[in-house]
Every structure is written in structure tokens, then in C-alpha cells.
Amino acid sequence: MEEHTKILLCEDDENLGALLREYLQAKGCDTDLQQDGEMGYRAFLKNKYDICILDVMMPKKDGLTLAQEIHQVNPDMPIIFLTAKTLRQDIFEGFKAGADDYMTKPFSMEELLYRIQAILRRVNSKKSDKDGIYQLGTLVFNSQKQTLTPADGEPIKLTTKENDLLALLCENANKILERNFALKSIWIDDNYFNARSMDVYITKLRKHLRSDPSVEIINIHGKGYKIIIPEAGANKA
């Protein structure tokens, strides 16, 4: 873990919150614990964090609402949800709210640390990437800035998951992107819930790309996805 990694941890269970903060700080993370959504949001506005870990069910303001407000301020902020909920719809709602990952209680603190590290590696990798600009027909995709710009429109700001998924597709332009490879690269685990989450993000990307009909993402049954890009624009700009 990076020496100066700063985490916003919002958890209303005092015992669990204290245990998580103690564990993460022992692993080198500067961890700020808040016990409700309103306190969490105030802390987020006052401080600079590398990642947020939010309990879904909190008093005063729930984690889903807090995540949406955080992303209004910083669309790039990575978020992990913690929850006792196991219903599929609740997990889908978490990813729709912009979650980078989702852990159901009880969970291993070691696994949480691993997931934090994986997310931050992806974020830091994008920050250090000097290239990452793709011409998608009449659109320009900048994976470093997380923007997709139509020929005659304003840049569309992509979420972290949208950006990572589109970058993988572009790296394999006009070729099959294996479903399991994408899941393990971006979501770490290829379980059912992450697979459904990826389907949601594919749908979002298709909407972003619809201004140019020559560019499309197609399903390859039983294998994965393929982004179709005119050959002249299949490489980095």
C-alpha cells in the first residue's frame, strides 16, 4: 500500500468501524472513520482522499446517496460499498451508484485490503499513462482524462468503471474481449453480480457511443464483447 494512502471510511457499526480503521492504519493507510453519511460528506469536502469505503445502510444519509454526492464533486473518486444486504437488486443499485467494488458482510479484512490495492493500482496506472488516446470514428476517447468527446459536442466524463472497460475494448479493437478476462481485470472476480454489473456498464457505453453509428459494441455469444471501430481509427490517435 502506498505510504500516504488516505481513506474515508464511513461505517455506523462502532465496533466494526474501529476494527477496520485499526487494521487499515496498521497496513499503512491514513484512515478517517465517520459514523453516518452526513459526517462522511462533510469530511469528504474538507479533506483529500484516495478512496472511499462506505457502508450502505447508515443513519442520516445512506451510502448510495453519499456516493452520488461524492461523485458530483469528484467523478473519479473510487468507492467500495460495505453492506449486510445480499439481494441482487441492492448490489445492482450499488454499481449503478458508481461503486468500484462491493463487499457483503461478514468479509475478510485482508480481502478488503487486496481490493483497495487493486483499485488504487488501476487508478495510479491511468495517472501515469502518457498515451491512452483513441480515435473511435468521429469520437475521441482519452483514457487518461476519462473523457469521450463527440466531433461536435462537449466531452462526456466517464466513470472509472466505464473508462476501464472502454480502454480494454479499445486495446482489443475489432477483436473479441473475453468476458472473464475483463471481469478479472476490472472487477477482480468473475462472479454473477460482477458479470451483471459489467452488462450495465456495456449498456452505458453503447449510449455514449451512439453519436457515431459506425462504432458499436457487439455481444459475442458465450465469449464476450467486441468494439467495432473503422480500421482508420482502430489505433491510438
C-alpha atoms as a PDB file:
ATOM      1  CA  MET A   1       0.000   0.000   0.000  1.00  0.00           C
ATOM      2  CA  GLU A   2       1.235   3.497  -0.811  1.00  0.00           C
ATOM      3  CA  GLU A   3       2.624   5.192   2.287  1.00  0.00           C
ATOM      4  CA  HIS A   4       0.308   8.181   2.079  1.00  0.00           C
ATOM      5  CA  THR A   5      -2.902   6.439   1.016  1.00  0.00           C
ATOM      6  CA  LYS A   6      -5.793   8.283   2.653  1.00  0.00           C
ATOM      7  CA  ILE A   7      -9.114   6.514   3.110  1.00  0.00           C
ATOM      8  CA  LEU A   8     -12.542   7.825   4.052  1.00  0.00           C
ATOM      9  CA  LEU A   9     -14.298   5.028   5.963  1.00  0.00           C
ATOM     10  CA  CYS A  10     -17.999   5.536   6.722  1.00  0.00           C
ATOM     11  CA  GLU A  11     -19.388   2.799   8.977  1.00  0.00           C
ATOM     12  CA  ASP A  12     -22.085   3.218  11.629  1.00  0.00           C
ATOM     13  CA  ASP A  13     -21.222  -0.004  13.487  1.00  0.00           C
ATOM     14  CA  GLU A  14     -18.795   1.327  16.086  1.00  0.00           C
ATOM     15  CA  ASN A  15     -17.033  -1.985  16.702  1.00  0.00           C
ATOM     16  CA  LEU A  16     -16.605  -2.876  13.030  1.00  0.00           C
ATOM     17  CA  GLY A  17     -15.579   0.666  12.163  1.00  0.00           C
ATOM     18  CA  ALA A  18     -12.925   0.731  14.881  1.00  0.00           C
ATOM     19  CA  LEU A  19     -11.574  -2.686  13.843  1.00  0.00           C
ATOM     20  CA  LEU A  20     -11.371  -1.688  10.180  1.00  0.00           C
ATOM     21  CA  ARG A  21      -9.682   1.609  10.942  1.00  0.00           C
ATOM     22  CA  GLU A  22      -7.143  -0.098  13.230  1.00  0.00           C
ATOM     23  CA  TYR A  23      -6.395  -2.766  10.616  1.00  0.00           C
ATOM     24  CA  LEU A  24      -6.054  -0.344   7.702  1.00  0.00           C
ATOM     25  CA  GLN A  25      -3.859   2.025   9.682  1.00  0.00           C
ATOM     26  CA  ALA A  26      -1.650  -0.920  10.676  1.00  0.00           C
ATOM     27  CA  LYS A  27      -1.263  -1.566   6.937  1.00  0.00           C
ATOM     28  CA  GLY A  28      -0.077   1.973   6.285  1.00  0.00           C
ATOM     29  CA  CYS A  29      -3.357   3.708   5.380  1.00  0.00           C
ATOM     30  CA  ASP A  30      -4.334   7.026   6.909  1.00  0.00           C
ATOM     31  CA  THR A  31      -7.960   6.117   7.673  1.00  0.00           C
ATOM     32  CA  ASP A  32     -10.627   8.668   8.641  1.00  0.00           C
ATOM     33  CA  LEU A  33     -13.646   6.986  10.298  1.00  0.00           C
ATOM     34  CA  GLN A  34     -17.078   8.668  10.182  1.00  0.00           C
ATOM     35  CA  GLN A  35     -20.250   7.094  11.624  1.00  0.00           C
ATOM     36  CA  ASP A  36     -23.023   8.489   9.430  1.00  0.00           C
ATOM     37  CA  GLY A  37     -23.484   9.751   5.891  1.00  0.00           C
ATOM     38  CA  GLU A  38     -23.725  13.429   6.749  1.00  0.00           C
ATOM     39  CA  MET A  39     -20.490  13.354   8.758  1.00  0.00           C
ATOM     40  CA  GLY A  40     -18.894  11.432   5.897  1.00  0.00           C
ATOM     41  CA  TYR A  41     -19.889  14.029   3.327  1.00  0.00           C
ATOM     42  CA  ARG A  42     -18.606  16.910   5.460  1.00  0.00           C
ATOM     43  CA  ALA A  43     -15.295  15.089   5.909  1.00  0.00           C
ATOM     44  CA  PHE A  44     -15.060  14.448   2.157  1.00  0.00           C
ATOM     45  CA  LEU A  45     -15.491  18.163   1.384  1.00  0.00           C
ATOM     46  CA  LYS A  46     -12.777  19.135   3.877  1.00  0.00           C
ATOM     47  CA  ASN A  47     -10.122  16.539   3.062  1.00  0.00           C
ATOM     48  CA  LYS A  48      -8.424  14.863   0.128  1.00  0.00           C
ATOM     49  CA  TYR A  49      -8.915  11.095  -0.073  1.00  0.00           C
ATOM     50  CA  ASP A  50      -7.601   8.391  -2.393  1.00  0.00           C
ATOM     51  CA  ILE A  51     -10.589   6.064  -1.924  1.00  0.00           C
ATOM     52  CA  CYS A  52     -13.890   5.927  -0.011  1.00  0.00           C
ATOM     53  CA  ILE A  53     -15.295   2.864   1.775  1.00  0.00           C
ATOM     54  CA  LEU A  54     -18.998   3.361   2.503  1.00  0.00           C
ATOM     55  CA  ASP A  55     -21.490   1.303   4.471  1.00  0.00           C
ATOM     56  CA  VAL A  56     -24.756   1.222   2.518  1.00  0.00           C
ATOM     57  CA  MET A  57     -27.124   1.403   5.498  1.00  0.00           C
ATOM     58  CA  MET A  58     -26.188   4.438   7.591  1.00  0.00           C
ATOM     59  CA  PRO A  59     -28.230   6.940   9.615  1.00  0.00           C
ATOM     60  CA  LYS A  60     -28.971  10.462   8.320  1.00  0.00           C
ATOM     61  CA  LYS A  61     -27.691   9.679   4.819  1.00  0.00           C
ATOM     62  CA  ASP A  62     -27.285   6.218   3.276  1.00  0.00           C
ATOM     63  CA  GLY A  63     -24.195   5.099   1.411  1.00  0.00           C
ATOM     64  CA  LEU A  64     -25.808   5.155  -2.038  1.00  0.00           C
ATOM     65  CA  THR A  65     -26.839   8.791  -1.623  1.00  0.00           C
ATOM     66  CA  LEU A  66     -23.431   9.682  -0.215  1.00  0.00           C
ATOM     67  CA  ALA A  67     -21.694   8.027  -3.180  1.00  0.00           C
ATOM     68  CA  GLN A  68     -23.780  10.027  -5.650  1.00  0.00           C
ATOM     69  CA  GLU A  69     -22.947  13.284  -3.836  1.00  0.00           C
ATOM     70  CA  ILE A  70     -19.249  12.393  -3.719  1.00  0.00           C
ATOM     71  CA  HIS A  71     -19.233  11.739  -7.470  1.00  0.00           C
ATOM     72  CA  GLN A  72     -20.916  15.066  -8.116  1.00  0.00           C
ATOM     73  CA  VAL A  73     -17.853  16.664  -6.529  1.00  0.00           C
ATOM     74  CA  ASN A  74     -15.270  14.210  -7.877  1.00  0.00           C
ATOM     75  CA  PRO A  75     -16.488  11.767 -10.560  1.00  0.00           C
ATOM     76  CA  ASP A  76     -13.163   9.911 -10.401  1.00  0.00           C
ATOM     77  CA  MET A  77     -13.264   9.038  -6.693  1.00  0.00           C
ATOM     78  CA  PRO A  78     -13.049   5.239  -6.249  1.00  0.00           C
ATOM     79  CA  ILE A  79     -15.727   3.801  -3.951  1.00  0.00           C
ATOM     80  CA  ILE A  80     -16.171   0.431  -2.246  1.00  0.00           C
ATOM     81  CA  PHE A  81     -19.529  -0.377  -0.650  1.00  0.00           C
ATOM     82  CA  LEU A  82     -19.882  -2.459   2.519  1.00  0.00           C
ATOM     83  CA  THR A  83     -23.277  -3.938   3.286  1.00  0.00           C
ATOM     84  CA  ALA A  84     -25.178  -6.684   5.058  1.00  0.00           C
ATOM     85  CA  LYS A  85     -27.598  -6.792   2.142  1.00  0.00           C
ATOM     86  CA  THR A  86     -27.445  -9.770  -0.203  1.00  0.00           C
ATOM     87  CA  LEU A  87     -30.360  -9.092  -2.545  1.00  0.00           C
ATOM     88  CA  ARG A  88     -29.249  -8.860  -6.159  1.00  0.00           C
ATOM     89  CA  GLN A  89     -31.153  -5.630  -6.746  1.00  0.00           C
ATOM     90  CA  ASP A  90     -29.314  -3.942  -3.864  1.00  0.00           C
ATOM     91  CA  ILE A  91     -25.983  -4.930  -5.379  1.00  0.00           C
ATOM     92  CA  PHE A  92     -27.028  -3.675  -8.821  1.00  0.00           C
ATOM     93  CA  GLU A  93     -28.075  -0.369  -7.262  1.00  0.00           C
ATOM     94  CA  GLY A  94     -24.644  -0.095  -5.691  1.00  0.00           C
ATOM     95  CA  PHE A  95     -22.892  -0.440  -9.027  1.00  0.00           C
ATOM     96  CA  LYS A  96     -25.355   1.944 -10.675  1.00  0.00           C
ATOM     97  CA  ALA A  97     -24.424   4.480  -7.994  1.00  0.00           C
ATOM     98  CA  GLY A  98     -20.831   4.273  -9.208  1.00  0.00           C
ATOM     99  CA  ALA A  99     -19.278   1.604  -6.996  1.00  0.00           C
ATOM    100  CA  ASP A 100     -15.883   0.250  -7.993  1.00  0.00           C
ATOM    101  CA  ASP A 101     -16.417  -2.755  -5.753  1.00  0.00           C
ATOM    102  CA  TYR A 102     -18.939  -4.211  -3.322  1.00  0.00           C
ATOM    103  CA  MET A 103     -18.364  -6.408  -0.258  1.00  0.00           C
ATOM    104  CA  THR A 104     -21.069  -8.196   1.719  1.00  0.00           C
ATOM    105  CA  LYS A 105     -20.699  -8.557   5.494  1.00  0.00           C
ATOM    106  CA  PRO A 106     -19.135 -10.532   7.035  1.00  0.00           C
ATOM    107  CA  PHE A 107     -15.961 -10.225   4.991  1.00  0.00           C
ATOM    108  CA  SER A 108     -12.231 -10.732   5.340  1.00  0.00           C
ATOM    109  CA  MET A 109     -10.305  -7.567   6.165  1.00  0.00           C
ATOM    110  CA  GLU A 110      -7.377  -8.989   4.220  1.00  0.00           C
ATOM    111  CA  GLU A 111      -9.606  -9.325   1.154  1.00  0.00           C
ATOM    112  CA  LEU A 112     -10.807  -5.735   1.597  1.00  0.00           C
ATOM    113  CA  LEU A 113      -7.190  -4.583   1.638  1.00  0.00           C
ATOM    114  CA  TYR A 114      -6.479  -6.579  -1.522  1.00  0.00           C
ATOM    115  CA  ARG A 115      -9.435  -4.971  -3.292  1.00  0.00           C
ATOM    116  CA  ILE A 116      -8.342  -1.480  -2.191  1.00  0.00           C
ATOM    117  CA  GLN A 117      -4.843  -2.148  -3.535  1.00  0.00           C
ATOM    118  CA  ALA A 118      -6.184  -3.446  -6.862  1.00  0.00           C
ATOM    119  CA  ILE A 119      -8.404  -0.388  -7.378  1.00  0.00           C
ATOM    120  CA  LEU A 120      -5.624   2.042  -6.499  1.00  0.00           C
ATOM    121  CA  ARG A 121      -3.208   0.262  -8.854  1.00  0.00           C
ATOM    122  CA  ARG A 122      -5.652   0.810 -11.719  1.00  0.00           C
ATOM    123  CA  VAL A 123      -6.169   4.458 -10.757  1.00  0.00           C
ATOM    124  CA  ASN A 124      -2.441   5.129 -10.464  1.00  0.00           C
ATOM    125  CA  SER A 125      -1.750   3.297 -13.710  1.00  0.00           C
ATOM    126  CA  LYS A 126      -4.121   5.628 -15.559  1.00  0.00           C
ATOM    127  CA  LYS A 127      -2.497   8.672 -13.976  1.00  0.00           C
ATOM    128  CA  SER A 128       0.953   7.635 -15.209  1.00  0.00           C
ATOM    129  CA  ASP A 129      -0.160   6.629 -18.696  1.00  0.00           C
ATOM    130  CA  LYS A 130       1.066   9.184 -21.240  1.00  0.00           C
ATOM    131  CA  ASP A 131      -0.898   7.756 -24.146  1.00  0.00           C
ATOM    132  CA  GLY A 132      -4.381   6.302 -23.922  1.00  0.00           C
ATOM    133  CA  ILE A 133      -5.971   8.486 -26.639  1.00  0.00           C
ATOM    134  CA  TYR A 134      -8.103   6.594 -29.144  1.00  0.00           C
ATOM    135  CA  GLN A 135      -9.935   7.759 -32.263  1.00  0.00           C
ATOM    136  CA  LEU A 136     -13.298   5.984 -32.319  1.00  0.00           C
ATOM    137  CA  GLY A 137     -14.749   7.024 -35.650  1.00  0.00           C
ATOM    138  CA  THR A 138     -15.685  10.661 -35.071  1.00  0.00           C
ATOM    139  CA  LEU A 139     -15.241  10.389 -31.293  1.00  0.00           C
ATOM    140  CA  VAL A 140     -12.031  10.817 -29.319  1.00  0.00           C
ATOM    141  CA  PHE A 141     -11.534   8.710 -26.199  1.00  0.00           C
ATOM    142  CA  ASN A 142      -8.941   9.961 -23.704  1.00  0.00           C
ATOM    143  CA  SER A 143      -8.485   7.224 -21.098  1.00  0.00           C
ATOM    144  CA  GLN A 144      -6.121   9.380 -19.048  1.00  0.00           C
ATOM    145  CA  LYS A 145      -8.695  12.151 -18.643  1.00  0.00           C
ATOM    146  CA  GLN A 146     -11.621   9.690 -18.680  1.00  0.00           C
ATOM    147  CA  THR A 147     -13.422  11.605 -21.429  1.00  0.00           C
ATOM    148  CA  LEU A 148     -15.208  10.647 -24.633  1.00  0.00           C
ATOM    149  CA  THR A 149     -15.625  13.601 -26.983  1.00  0.00           C
ATOM    150  CA  PRO A 150     -18.036  13.624 -29.979  1.00  0.00           C
ATOM    151  CA  ALA A 151     -16.987  15.539 -33.094  1.00  0.00           C
ATOM    152  CA  ASP A 152     -19.428  18.381 -32.460  1.00  0.00           C
ATOM    153  CA  GLY A 153     -20.226  18.078 -28.775  1.00  0.00           C
ATOM    154  CA  GLU A 154     -18.977  18.553 -25.242  1.00  0.00           C
ATOM    155  CA  PRO A 155     -16.718  15.905 -23.650  1.00  0.00           C
ATOM    156  CA  ILE A 156     -18.574  13.154 -21.805  1.00  0.00           C
ATOM    157  CA  LYS A 157     -16.991  12.442 -18.413  1.00  0.00           C
ATOM    158  CA  LEU A 158     -16.744   8.691 -17.896  1.00  0.00           C
ATOM    159  CA  THR A 159     -16.876   6.912 -14.553  1.00  0.00           C
ATOM    160  CA  THR A 160     -13.840   4.874 -13.524  1.00  0.00           C
ATOM    161  CA  LYS A 161     -15.516   1.594 -14.489  1.00  0.00           C
ATOM    162  CA  GLU A 162     -16.749   2.963 -17.839  1.00  0.00           C
ATOM    163  CA  ASN A 163     -13.259   4.245 -18.584  1.00  0.00           C
ATOM    164  CA  ASP A 164     -11.504   0.997 -17.657  1.00  0.00           C
ATOM    165  CA  LEU A 165     -13.929  -1.099 -19.674  1.00  0.00           C
ATOM    166  CA  LEU A 166     -13.770   1.119 -22.769  1.00  0.00           C
ATOM    167  CA  ALA A 167      -9.957   1.154 -22.575  1.00  0.00           C
ATOM    168  CA  LEU A 168      -9.889  -2.656 -22.533  1.00  0.00           C
ATOM    169  CA  LEU A 169     -12.249  -2.778 -25.501  1.00  0.00           C
ATOM    170  CA  CYS A 170     -10.111  -0.285 -27.424  1.00  0.00           C
ATOM    171  CA  GLU A 171      -6.922  -2.213 -26.661  1.00  0.00           C
ATOM    172  CA  ASN A 172      -8.656  -5.139 -28.362  1.00  0.00           C
ATOM    173  CA  ALA A 173     -10.383  -3.103 -31.091  1.00  0.00           C
ATOM    174  CA  ASN A 174     -12.151  -5.258 -33.696  1.00  0.00           C
ATOM    175  CA  LYS A 175     -11.158  -8.346 -31.678  1.00  0.00           C
ATOM    176  CA  ILE A 176     -13.018 -10.316 -29.021  1.00  0.00           C
ATOM    177  CA  LEU A 177     -12.556  -9.119 -25.456  1.00  0.00           C
ATOM    178  CA  GLU A 178     -13.033 -12.250 -23.363  1.00  0.00           C
ATOM    179  CA  ARG A 179     -15.724 -11.738 -20.743  1.00  0.00           C
ATOM    180  CA  ASN A 180     -13.834 -13.438 -17.907  1.00  0.00           C
ATOM    181  CA  PHE A 181     -10.636 -11.548 -18.715  1.00  0.00           C
ATOM    182  CA  ALA A 182     -12.477  -8.207 -18.493  1.00  0.00           C
ATOM    183  CA  LEU A 183     -14.157  -9.175 -15.225  1.00  0.00           C
ATOM    184  CA  LYS A 184     -10.924 -10.246 -13.568  1.00  0.00           C
ATOM    185  CA  SER A 185      -9.025  -7.219 -14.920  1.00  0.00           C
ATOM    186  CA  ILE A 186     -11.554  -4.649 -13.721  1.00  0.00           C
ATOM    187  CA  TRP A 187     -13.739  -6.291 -11.069  1.00  0.00           C
ATOM    188  CA  ILE A 188     -11.103  -8.789  -9.781  1.00  0.00           C
ATOM    189  CA  ASP A 189     -13.733 -11.534  -9.506  1.00  0.00           C
ATOM    190  CA  ASP A 190     -15.851 -13.043 -12.306  1.00  0.00           C
ATOM    191  CA  ASN A 191     -18.863 -13.836 -10.108  1.00  0.00           C
ATOM    192  CA  TYR A 192     -22.520 -13.429 -11.109  1.00  0.00           C
ATOM    193  CA  PHE A 193     -23.000  -9.988  -9.593  1.00  0.00           C
ATOM    194  CA  ASN A 194     -19.899  -8.506 -11.205  1.00  0.00           C
ATOM    195  CA  ALA A 195     -20.915 -10.020 -14.540  1.00  0.00           C
ATOM    196  CA  ARG A 196     -24.304  -8.324 -14.333  1.00  0.00           C
ATOM    197  CA  SER A 197     -22.597  -5.080 -13.338  1.00  0.00           C
ATOM    198  CA  MET A 198     -20.411  -5.268 -16.441  1.00  0.00           C
ATOM    199  CA  ASP A 199     -23.545  -5.678 -18.568  1.00  0.00           C
ATOM    200  CA  VAL A 200     -24.855  -2.425 -17.069  1.00  0.00           C
ATOM    201  CA  TYR A 201     -21.649  -0.587 -17.995  1.00  0.00           C
ATOM    202  CA  ILE A 202     -21.661  -2.014 -21.525  1.00  0.00           C
ATOM    203  CA  THR A 203     -25.164  -0.565 -21.953  1.00  0.00           C
ATOM    204  CA  LYS A 204     -23.945   2.818 -20.706  1.00  0.00           C
ATOM    205  CA  LEU A 205     -21.003   2.796 -23.117  1.00  0.00           C
ATOM    206  CA  ARG A 206     -23.281   1.999 -26.045  1.00  0.00           C
ATOM    207  CA  LYS A 207     -25.339   5.081 -25.206  1.00  0.00           C
ATOM    208  CA  HIS A 208     -22.206   7.220 -25.066  1.00  0.00           C
ATOM    209  CA  LEU A 209     -21.061   5.938 -28.477  1.00  0.00           C
ATOM    210  CA  ARG A 210     -24.369   6.243 -30.331  1.00  0.00           C
ATOM    211  CA  SER A 211     -23.485   9.611 -31.917  1.00  0.00           C
ATOM    212  CA  ASP A 212     -21.374   7.637 -34.424  1.00  0.00           C
ATOM    213  CA  PRO A 213     -23.234   4.598 -35.831  1.00  0.00           C
ATOM    214  CA  SER A 214     -20.004   3.225 -37.321  1.00  0.00           C
ATOM    215  CA  VAL A 215     -18.731   2.486 -33.806  1.00  0.00           C
ATOM    216  CA  GLU A 216     -20.571  -0.207 -31.860  1.00  0.00           C
ATOM    217  CA  ILE A 217     -20.070  -2.756 -29.122  1.00  0.00           C
ATOM    218  CA  ILE A 218     -21.439  -6.163 -30.056  1.00  0.00           C
ATOM    219  CA  ASN A 219     -22.024  -9.282 -27.974  1.00  0.00           C
ATOM    220  CA  ILE A 220     -20.105 -12.406 -28.963  1.00  0.00           C
ATOM    221  CA  HIS A 221     -22.294 -15.194 -27.608  1.00  0.00           C
ATOM    222  CA  GLY A 222     -20.557 -17.306 -24.991  1.00  0.00           C
ATOM    223  CA  LYS A 223     -17.294 -15.382 -25.284  1.00  0.00           C
ATOM    224  CA  GLY A 224     -17.507 -11.688 -24.574  1.00  0.00           C
ATOM    225  CA  TYR A 225     -17.672  -8.373 -26.425  1.00  0.00           C
ATOM    226  CA  LYS A 226     -16.122  -6.699 -29.436  1.00  0.00           C
ATOM    227  CA  ILE A 227     -15.931  -2.992 -30.186  1.00  0.00           C
ATOM    228  CA  ILE A 228     -16.243  -2.338 -33.919  1.00  0.00           C
ATOM    229  CA  ILE A 229     -14.183   0.677 -34.980  1.00  0.00           C
ATOM    230  CA  PRO A 230     -13.474   1.808 -38.568  1.00  0.00           C
ATOM    231  CA  GLU A 231      -9.987   0.499 -39.350  1.00  0.00           C
ATOM    232  CA  ALA A 232      -8.582   4.007 -39.802  1.00  0.00           C
ATOM    233  CA  GLY A 233      -9.491   4.809 -36.209  1.00  0.00           C
ATOM    234  CA  ALA A 234      -8.772   1.486 -34.556  1.00  0.00           C
ATOM    235  CA  ASN A 235      -5.366   2.563 -33.252  1.00  0.00           C
ATOM    236  CA  LYS A 236      -4.310   5.195 -30.790  1.00  0.00           C
ATOM    237  CA  ALA A 237      -4.592   8.740 -32.088  1.00  0.00           C
END
